[in-house]
Amino acid sequence: MKRLFFVAGESSGDIHGAHLIRAVNEMEPDVQCEGLGGQHMAAAGMTLHFDLAGHAIMGFTEIVKSLGMIRRLFHDTAARLEASPPDALVLIDYPGFNLRLAREARRRGIPVIYYISPQIWAWKRGRIRTIAQLVRKMLVILPFEKELYEQAGVDCVYVGHPLLDHVPTVRIDGTLRDGLIIGVLPGSRQQEIQRLLPVMLEIARGIRQQYPEARFVAPCVNPEREAQIRAMAGAFPLEILVGKTYEVLDAARFCLVASGTATLEAALFGVPFVVLYKISRLSYWIARAVVRVDHIGLVNILAGKRIVPEFIQHEATVETVLPTALELLDDSPARRRMLDELARVRQSLGAGGASRRAAAEILNVITETRNGQKAVSD
């Protein structure tokens, strides 16, 4: 029996990992999957040793506060790999933890496959040398990443973006399509919700003054985040839906979105939005010193220009965001330009099938390792 050990540390990685596990099992039903991830991966058939995605942490200073838990989990996971080595270790983003674990796996002769690259093009570009030493196969989801890795001598395959696999699988009943819907997406982590939701609610109040008929809807990942958002919203009429992000994006006229995967999801649904991003002051100044990108929103990075407004740190205020929000709500030239640009970004990602292509590469690595020679991909 073949065994794979997966590690995903965030909500989006949990979702993409679940599709990858299902694709692996469709190709070879007897493959045993275990590891760290979240409830989506568990539902896909993975034996979940720890809900790492459910404990996602954001920001440098926030990570420091959780070092004890992370350290214990790391040593426990390394011990598992030592006691019962899998055929391959499959890492999904989450580089701080995963690259250290890759080193432990390499010492034990376990092949390391990395699915969804760390953002080396944004910061810590020197990590590419570490990846070249430790990773047997890199499976990237953004078209420009392949050349970066190949230049560093990394065996790299561009498989496409897994959101194109995930979005069509989500059932949308359309119950939110009546009326003027404004999406409020403050993120999936407790810390980012704590920082972003207050300003989003201020902006929502400003929009409501101009559009009293508007409905404001906030999707969230689990009941814990629902309780947090409900408590923070207070008397404001914010509708909160667990696990209904795509229902909101499907129905929304406009969205306020935390920087992250949701920016690309909004683009795929063709809904105009603005990006907001706030972290602790110390984390922000550390990030400014090390991050080397012109944009933080993935949709802008893919477009190579700012097609969606970004409001970062002290810029994320009701005074700065509200005029742009009202312009994009209206049938304005700015709204029409954004819709055209979002359509171009969606087209640039090509067709679906990322999960299946990634699964084939993973199974091929196992075959190569067992045979001691390079197998030919289908």
Protein backbone atom coordinates (compact mmCIF):
# COMPACT_ATOMS: atom_id res chain seq x y z
CA MET A 1 0.00 0.00 0.00
CA LYS A 2 1.23 3.50 -0.85
CA ARG A 3 1.22 6.16 1.86
CA LEU A 4 1.27 9.93 1.56
CA PHE A 5 1.74 12.42 4.39
CA PHE A 6 0.22 15.87 3.74
CA VAL A 7 0.73 19.19 5.53
CA ALA A 8 -1.52 22.22 4.94
CA GLY A 9 -1.63 25.07 7.44
CA GLU A 10 -4.33 27.40 6.16
CA SER A 11 -7.98 27.32 5.11
CA SER A 12 -7.25 27.63 1.38
CA GLY A 13 -4.56 24.94 1.58
CA ASP A 14 -7.04 22.66 3.33
CA ILE A 15 -9.53 23.10 0.46
CA HIS A 16 -6.94 22.55 -2.27
CA GLY A 17 -5.47 19.61 -0.35
CA ALA A 18 -8.89 17.98 -0.21
CA HIS A 19 -9.26 18.16 -4.00
CA LEU A 20 -5.75 16.78 -4.40
CA ILE A 21 -6.47 13.83 -2.09
CA ARG A 22 -9.64 13.01 -3.99
CA ALA A 23 -7.75 13.15 -7.29
CA VAL A 24 -5.06 10.82 -5.91
CA ASN A 25 -7.68 8.33 -4.72
CA GLU A 26 -9.53 8.46 -8.03
CA MET A 27 -6.31 7.41 -9.77
CA GLU A 28 -5.25 4.88 -7.12
CA PRO A 29 -7.95 4.09 -4.55
CA ASP A 30 -5.64 2.17 -2.23
CA VAL A 31 -3.35 5.12 -1.44
CA GLN A 32 -3.43 5.88 2.30
CA CYS A 33 -3.41 9.60 3.15
CA GLU A 34 -2.64 11.10 6.55
CA GLY A 35 -1.22 14.30 7.95
CA LEU A 36 -1.88 17.81 9.20
CA GLY A 37 -4.54 19.94 7.53
CA GLY A 38 -8.15 20.71 8.19
CA GLN A 39 -11.70 19.43 8.05
CA HIS A 40 -11.90 19.51 4.24
CA MET A 41 -8.92 17.15 3.95
CA ALA A 42 -10.38 14.91 6.64
CA ALA A 43 -13.68 14.77 4.74
CA ALA A 44 -11.74 13.80 1.61
CA GLY A 45 -10.43 10.71 3.40
CA MET A 46 -7.22 11.88 5.08
CA THR A 47 -6.45 10.69 8.61
CA LEU A 48 -6.14 14.06 10.39
CA HIS A 49 -3.49 14.09 13.13
CA PHE A 50 -3.95 17.79 13.90
CA ASP A 51 -6.26 20.53 12.57
CA LEU A 52 -3.45 22.90 11.60
CA ALA A 53 -5.63 24.85 9.17
CA GLY A 54 -8.07 25.54 12.00
CA HIS A 55 -5.24 27.16 13.95
CA ALA A 56 -4.02 29.42 11.12
CA ILE A 57 -1.88 32.33 12.33
CA MET A 58 -1.26 35.65 10.60
CA GLY A 59 1.62 38.10 11.12
CA PHE A 60 5.17 37.92 12.45
CA THR A 61 4.38 38.88 16.04
CA GLU A 62 1.36 36.56 16.17
CA ILE A 63 3.53 33.62 15.09
CA VAL A 64 5.99 34.39 17.87
CA LYS A 65 3.19 34.11 20.43
CA SER A 66 2.33 30.62 19.12
CA LEU A 67 5.87 29.27 18.88
CA GLY A 68 5.41 26.83 21.75
CA MET A 69 2.46 25.09 20.09
CA ILE A 70 4.15 25.11 16.69
CA ARG A 71 7.39 23.68 18.11
CA ARG A 72 5.58 20.81 19.87
CA LEU A 73 3.62 19.99 16.74
CA PHE A 74 6.74 20.06 14.61
CA HIS A 75 8.63 17.60 16.82
CA ASP A 76 5.60 15.33 17.04
CA THR A 77 5.29 15.31 13.23
CA ALA A 78 9.01 14.65 12.72
CA ALA A 79 8.70 11.73 15.12
CA ARG A 80 5.81 10.33 13.07
CA LEU A 81 7.92 10.50 9.91
CA GLU A 82 10.74 8.73 11.72
CA ALA A 83 8.57 5.97 13.15
CA SER A 84 6.61 5.29 9.97
CA PRO A 85 8.11 6.88 6.84
CA PRO A 86 5.54 7.55 4.08
CA ASP A 87 6.25 7.09 0.38
CA ALA A 88 6.27 10.87 0.02
CA LEU A 89 5.71 14.05 2.01
CA VAL A 90 3.34 16.45 0.23
CA LEU A 91 3.64 20.04 1.47
CA ILE A 92 1.03 22.69 0.67
CA ASP A 93 2.27 26.31 0.96
CA TYR A 94 2.83 27.24 4.69
CA PRO A 95 6.60 27.61 4.22
CA GLY A 96 7.78 28.49 7.73
CA PHE A 97 6.70 25.10 9.04
CA ASN A 98 6.90 23.08 5.86
CA LEU A 99 10.45 23.89 4.77
CA ARG A 100 11.76 22.85 8.18
CA LEU A 101 9.78 19.62 7.91
CA ALA A 102 11.15 19.09 4.40
CA ARG A 103 14.64 19.06 5.88
CA GLU A 104 13.62 16.38 8.37
CA ALA A 105 12.07 14.30 5.60
CA ARG A 106 15.15 14.65 3.40
CA ARG A 107 17.35 13.36 6.24
CA ARG A 108 15.15 10.27 6.41
CA GLY A 109 15.18 9.65 2.66
CA ILE A 110 11.52 10.60 2.21
CA PRO A 111 10.80 12.29 -1.15
CA VAL A 112 9.39 15.81 -0.71
CA ILE A 113 6.78 17.20 -3.12
CA TYR A 114 5.74 20.83 -2.74
CA TYR A 115 2.28 21.80 -4.02
CA ILE A 116 1.49 25.53 -4.12
CA SER A 117 4.78 27.36 -3.88
CA PRO A 118 5.82 29.69 -1.10
CA GLN A 119 5.71 33.25 -2.40
CA ILE A 120 9.46 33.45 -3.00
CA TRP A 121 8.85 36.14 -5.62
CA ALA A 122 7.47 38.38 -2.86
CA TRP A 123 9.89 37.81 0.01
CA LYS A 124 12.68 35.52 1.20
CA ARG A 125 13.75 34.82 -2.36
CA GLY A 126 16.79 33.01 -0.94
CA ARG A 127 14.43 30.19 0.03
CA ILE A 128 14.66 28.97 -3.54
CA ARG A 129 18.12 27.59 -2.78
CA THR A 130 16.73 25.67 0.18
CA ILE A 131 13.91 24.36 -1.97
CA ALA A 132 16.39 23.23 -4.63
CA GLN A 133 18.23 21.19 -1.98
CA LEU A 134 15.21 19.66 -0.28
CA VAL A 135 12.32 19.33 -2.74
CA ARG A 136 12.12 16.50 -5.25
CA LYS A 137 9.26 18.05 -7.24
CA MET A 138 7.72 21.52 -7.14
CA LEU A 139 4.14 21.84 -8.40
CA VAL A 140 3.26 25.49 -9.00
CA ILE A 141 -0.12 27.11 -9.60
CA LEU A 142 0.90 30.51 -11.04
CA PRO A 143 2.29 30.63 -14.58
CA PHE A 144 5.30 32.87 -13.86
CA GLU A 145 6.59 30.65 -11.02
CA LYS A 146 7.81 27.83 -13.27
CA GLU A 147 10.62 29.87 -14.85
CA LEU A 148 11.85 31.06 -11.43
CA TYR A 149 12.27 27.50 -10.21
CA GLU A 150 13.73 26.10 -13.39
CA GLN A 151 16.39 28.82 -13.36
CA ALA A 152 17.36 27.57 -9.89
CA GLY A 153 17.54 23.96 -11.06
CA VAL A 154 14.33 22.80 -9.38
CA ASP A 155 12.26 20.08 -11.07
CA CYS A 156 9.08 22.13 -11.49
CA VAL A 157 5.72 21.57 -13.17
CA TYR A 158 3.03 24.21 -13.69
CA VAL A 159 -0.25 22.40 -13.00
CA GLY A 160 -2.69 25.34 -13.13
CA HIS A 161 -4.69 26.98 -10.36
CA PRO A 162 -6.77 24.63 -8.16
CA LEU A 163 -9.48 27.25 -7.64
CA LEU A 164 -10.60 26.44 -11.18
CA ASP A 165 -11.28 22.91 -9.92
CA HIS A 166 -12.88 24.00 -6.66
CA VAL A 167 -15.30 26.71 -7.79
CA PRO A 168 -17.39 24.45 -10.10
CA THR A 169 -17.85 21.87 -7.31
CA VAL A 170 -19.56 24.30 -4.94
CA ARG A 171 -23.34 24.22 -5.14
CA ILE A 172 -24.87 27.71 -5.32
CA ASP A 173 -28.62 27.87 -4.78
CA GLY A 174 -28.97 31.54 -5.66
CA THR A 175 -31.05 32.48 -2.62
CA LEU A 176 -29.02 35.68 -2.12
CA ARG A 177 -29.56 37.05 -5.60
CA ASP A 178 -32.49 39.27 -4.65
CA GLY A 179 -31.68 42.87 -3.86
CA LEU A 180 -28.44 44.82 -3.53
CA ILE A 181 -25.88 42.54 -1.86
CA ILE A 182 -22.60 43.87 -0.47
CA GLY A 183 -20.08 41.20 0.51
CA VAL A 184 -18.01 41.72 3.65
CA LEU A 185 -15.06 39.30 3.64
CA PRO A 186 -12.71 40.04 6.56
CA GLY A 187 -10.68 36.83 6.22
CA SER A 188 -10.61 33.42 7.85
CA ARG A 189 -8.20 34.01 10.73
CA GLN A 190 -9.17 35.41 14.12
CA GLN A 191 -6.42 38.05 14.04
CA GLU A 192 -7.26 39.48 10.62
CA ILE A 193 -10.97 39.61 11.41
CA GLN A 194 -10.16 41.47 14.61
CA ARG A 195 -8.22 44.10 12.67
CA LEU A 196 -10.24 44.38 9.45
CA LEU A 197 -13.88 43.95 10.44
CA PRO A 198 -14.20 47.23 12.38
CA VAL A 199 -13.16 49.36 9.40
CA MET A 200 -15.25 47.22 7.05
CA LEU A 201 -18.28 47.88 9.25
CA GLU A 202 -17.56 51.62 9.18
CA ILE A 203 -17.42 51.51 5.38
CA ALA A 204 -20.63 49.46 5.34
CA ARG A 205 -22.37 52.13 7.42
CA GLY A 206 -21.24 54.75 4.91
CA ILE A 207 -22.56 52.69 2.01
CA ARG A 208 -25.85 52.19 3.84
CA GLN A 209 -26.35 55.93 4.05
CA GLN A 210 -26.27 56.08 0.24
CA TYR A 211 -28.00 52.72 -0.33
CA PRO A 212 -30.39 52.11 2.60
CA GLU A 213 -31.84 49.07 0.84
CA ALA A 214 -28.45 47.27 0.69
CA ARG A 215 -27.94 43.92 2.44
CA PHE A 216 -24.51 43.31 3.94
CA VAL A 217 -23.47 39.66 4.07
CA ALA A 218 -20.32 38.18 5.64
CA PRO A 219 -19.30 34.59 4.91
CA CYS A 220 -17.08 32.81 7.43
CA VAL A 221 -15.25 29.49 7.67
CA ASN A 222 -16.68 28.00 10.89
CA PRO A 223 -18.98 28.64 13.88
CA GLU A 224 -16.11 30.10 15.92
CA ARG A 225 -15.51 32.85 13.38
CA GLU A 226 -19.28 33.35 13.09
CA ALA A 227 -19.50 34.03 16.82
CA GLN A 228 -16.57 36.44 16.61
CA ILE A 229 -18.06 38.38 13.70
CA ARG A 230 -21.52 38.48 15.30
CA ALA A 231 -20.11 39.87 18.53
CA MET A 232 -18.09 42.52 16.69
CA ALA A 233 -20.99 43.55 14.43
CA GLY A 234 -23.21 44.37 17.39
CA ALA A 235 -26.39 46.11 16.29
CA PHE A 236 -25.31 46.52 12.67
CA PRO A 237 -27.59 44.38 10.41
CA LEU A 238 -24.83 42.10 9.10
CA GLU A 239 -25.97 38.73 7.79
CA ILE A 240 -23.42 36.03 8.62
CA LEU A 241 -23.24 32.76 6.70
CA VAL A 242 -20.96 29.82 7.56
CA GLY A 243 -19.30 28.21 4.55
CA LYS A 244 -21.15 30.34 1.98
CA THR A 245 -18.37 32.43 0.45
CA TYR A 246 -19.32 31.55 -3.11
CA GLU A 247 -23.01 32.23 -2.48
CA VAL A 248 -21.99 35.75 -1.44
CA LEU A 249 -19.61 36.29 -4.37
CA ASP A 250 -22.21 34.99 -6.80
CA ALA A 251 -24.83 37.49 -5.59
CA ALA A 252 -22.73 40.53 -4.63
CA ARG A 253 -22.70 43.81 -6.51
CA PHE A 254 -19.52 44.78 -4.65
CA CYS A 255 -17.24 43.34 -1.95
CA LEU A 256 -14.82 44.44 0.76
CA VAL A 257 -12.14 41.75 0.76
CA ALA A 258 -9.19 40.89 3.00
CA SER A 259 -5.98 40.25 1.12
CA GLY A 260 -5.61 36.54 0.38
CA THR A 261 -7.19 33.80 -1.70
CA ALA A 262 -10.55 35.59 -1.60
CA THR A 263 -9.19 38.26 -3.95
CA LEU A 264 -8.75 35.68 -6.70
CA GLU A 265 -12.08 34.07 -5.87
CA ALA A 266 -13.79 37.44 -6.29
CA ALA A 267 -12.04 37.84 -9.65
CA LEU A 268 -13.27 34.43 -10.82
CA PHE A 269 -16.83 35.45 -9.97
CA GLY A 270 -16.38 38.78 -11.75
CA VAL A 271 -17.45 40.92 -8.81
CA PRO A 272 -15.82 44.34 -8.31
CA PHE A 273 -14.06 44.71 -4.97
CA VAL A 274 -11.38 46.50 -3.00
CA VAL A 275 -8.57 44.86 -1.00
CA LEU A 276 -7.93 45.73 2.64
CA TYR A 277 -4.92 44.62 4.66
CA LYS A 278 -3.98 45.35 8.28
CA ILE A 279 -1.57 43.60 10.62
CA SER A 280 0.16 44.61 13.84
CA ARG A 281 2.39 47.68 13.61
CA LEU A 282 5.55 45.65 14.26
CA SER A 283 4.58 42.99 11.71
CA TYR A 284 3.88 45.71 9.15
CA TRP A 285 7.30 47.35 9.55
CA ILE A 286 9.03 43.98 9.37
CA ALA A 287 7.05 43.17 6.21
CA ARG A 288 7.98 46.50 4.63
CA ALA A 289 11.63 45.67 5.15
CA VAL A 290 11.51 42.23 3.53
CA VAL A 291 8.62 42.09 1.04
CA ARG A 292 9.53 42.95 -2.54
CA VAL A 293 6.29 43.22 -4.52
CA ASP A 294 4.40 46.16 -5.97
CA HIS A 295 1.00 44.67 -5.06
CA ILE A 296 -0.37 42.47 -2.28
CA GLY A 297 -3.56 41.29 -3.98
CA LEU A 298 -3.04 38.11 -5.99
CA VAL A 299 -5.33 39.38 -8.74
CA ASN A 300 -3.08 42.45 -9.17
CA ILE A 301 0.06 40.31 -9.12
CA LEU A 302 -1.35 38.14 -11.89
CA ALA A 303 -2.43 41.18 -13.89
CA GLY A 304 0.99 42.81 -13.47
CA LYS A 305 -0.70 46.07 -12.52
CA ARG A 306 -3.16 47.47 -9.99
CA ILE A 307 -6.59 46.68 -11.42
CA VAL A 308 -8.15 46.43 -7.94
CA PRO A 309 -7.58 49.20 -5.36
CA GLU A 310 -5.50 48.16 -2.33
CA PHE A 311 -5.78 49.87 1.05
CA ILE A 312 -2.93 48.81 3.29
CA GLN A 313 -2.48 49.47 7.01
CA HIS A 314 -3.09 53.20 7.74
CA GLU A 315 -4.76 53.60 4.30
CA ALA A 316 -7.52 51.18 5.33
CA THR A 317 -9.91 53.78 6.73
CA VAL A 318 -13.49 54.71 5.99
CA GLU A 319 -12.37 58.10 4.67
CA THR A 320 -10.07 56.58 2.04
CA VAL A 321 -12.07 53.49 1.07
CA LEU A 322 -15.67 54.74 1.02
CA PRO A 323 -15.40 57.02 -2.07
CA THR A 324 -13.90 54.16 -4.10
CA ALA A 325 -16.51 51.73 -2.83
CA LEU A 326 -19.35 54.04 -3.86
CA GLU A 327 -17.80 54.56 -7.30
CA LEU A 328 -17.54 50.81 -7.89
CA LEU A 329 -21.10 50.26 -6.71
CA ASP A 330 -22.34 52.72 -9.30
CA ASP A 331 -22.46 51.89 -13.01
CA SER A 332 -19.31 53.94 -13.48
CA PRO A 333 -16.41 53.76 -15.98
CA ALA A 334 -14.21 52.52 -13.10
CA ARG A 335 -16.58 49.62 -12.50
CA ARG A 336 -16.70 48.69 -16.19
CA ARG A 337 -12.90 48.84 -16.47
CA MET A 338 -12.49 46.56 -13.47
CA LEU A 339 -14.96 44.03 -14.84
CA ASP A 340 -13.00 43.88 -18.12
CA GLU A 341 -9.68 43.47 -16.29
CA LEU A 342 -11.03 40.76 -13.99
CA ALA A 343 -12.23 38.82 -17.04
CA ARG A 344 -8.71 38.99 -18.50
CA VAL A 345 -7.17 37.64 -15.30
CA ARG A 346 -9.63 34.75 -15.29
CA GLN A 347 -8.77 33.95 -18.89
CA SER A 348 -5.03 34.01 -18.14
CA LEU A 349 -5.40 31.10 -15.71
CA GLY A 350 -6.54 28.73 -18.45
CA ALA A 351 -8.64 25.61 -17.88
CA GLY A 352 -9.10 23.50 -14.76
CA GLY A 353 -7.51 20.16 -13.95
CA ALA A 354 -4.78 21.31 -11.53
CA SER A 355 -5.65 18.75 -8.88
CA ARG A 356 -5.56 15.84 -11.28
CA ARG A 357 -2.29 16.97 -12.87
CA ALA A 358 -0.72 17.41 -9.43
CA ALA A 359 -1.96 13.98 -8.32
CA ALA A 360 -0.40 12.36 -11.40
CA GLU A 361 2.95 14.00 -10.65
CA ILE A 362 2.86 12.84 -7.03
CA LEU A 363 2.08 9.25 -7.96
CA ASN A 364 4.80 9.36 -10.58
CA VAL A 365 7.36 10.41 -7.95
CA ILE A 366 6.39 7.41 -5.83
CA THR A 367 6.77 5.12 -8.84
CA GLU A 368 10.18 6.62 -9.67
CA THR A 369 11.35 6.18 -6.09
CA ARG A 370 10.17 2.58 -5.83
CA ASN A 371 11.61 1.62 -9.20
CA GLY A 372 14.81 3.57 -8.72
CA GLN A 373 14.41 5.11 -12.14
CA LYS A 374 12.49 7.86 -13.89
CA ALA A 375 9.01 6.85 -14.87
CA VAL A 376 7.29 8.36 -17.86
CA SER A 377 4.32 10.62 -17.09
CA ASP A 378 1.05 10.04 -18.88
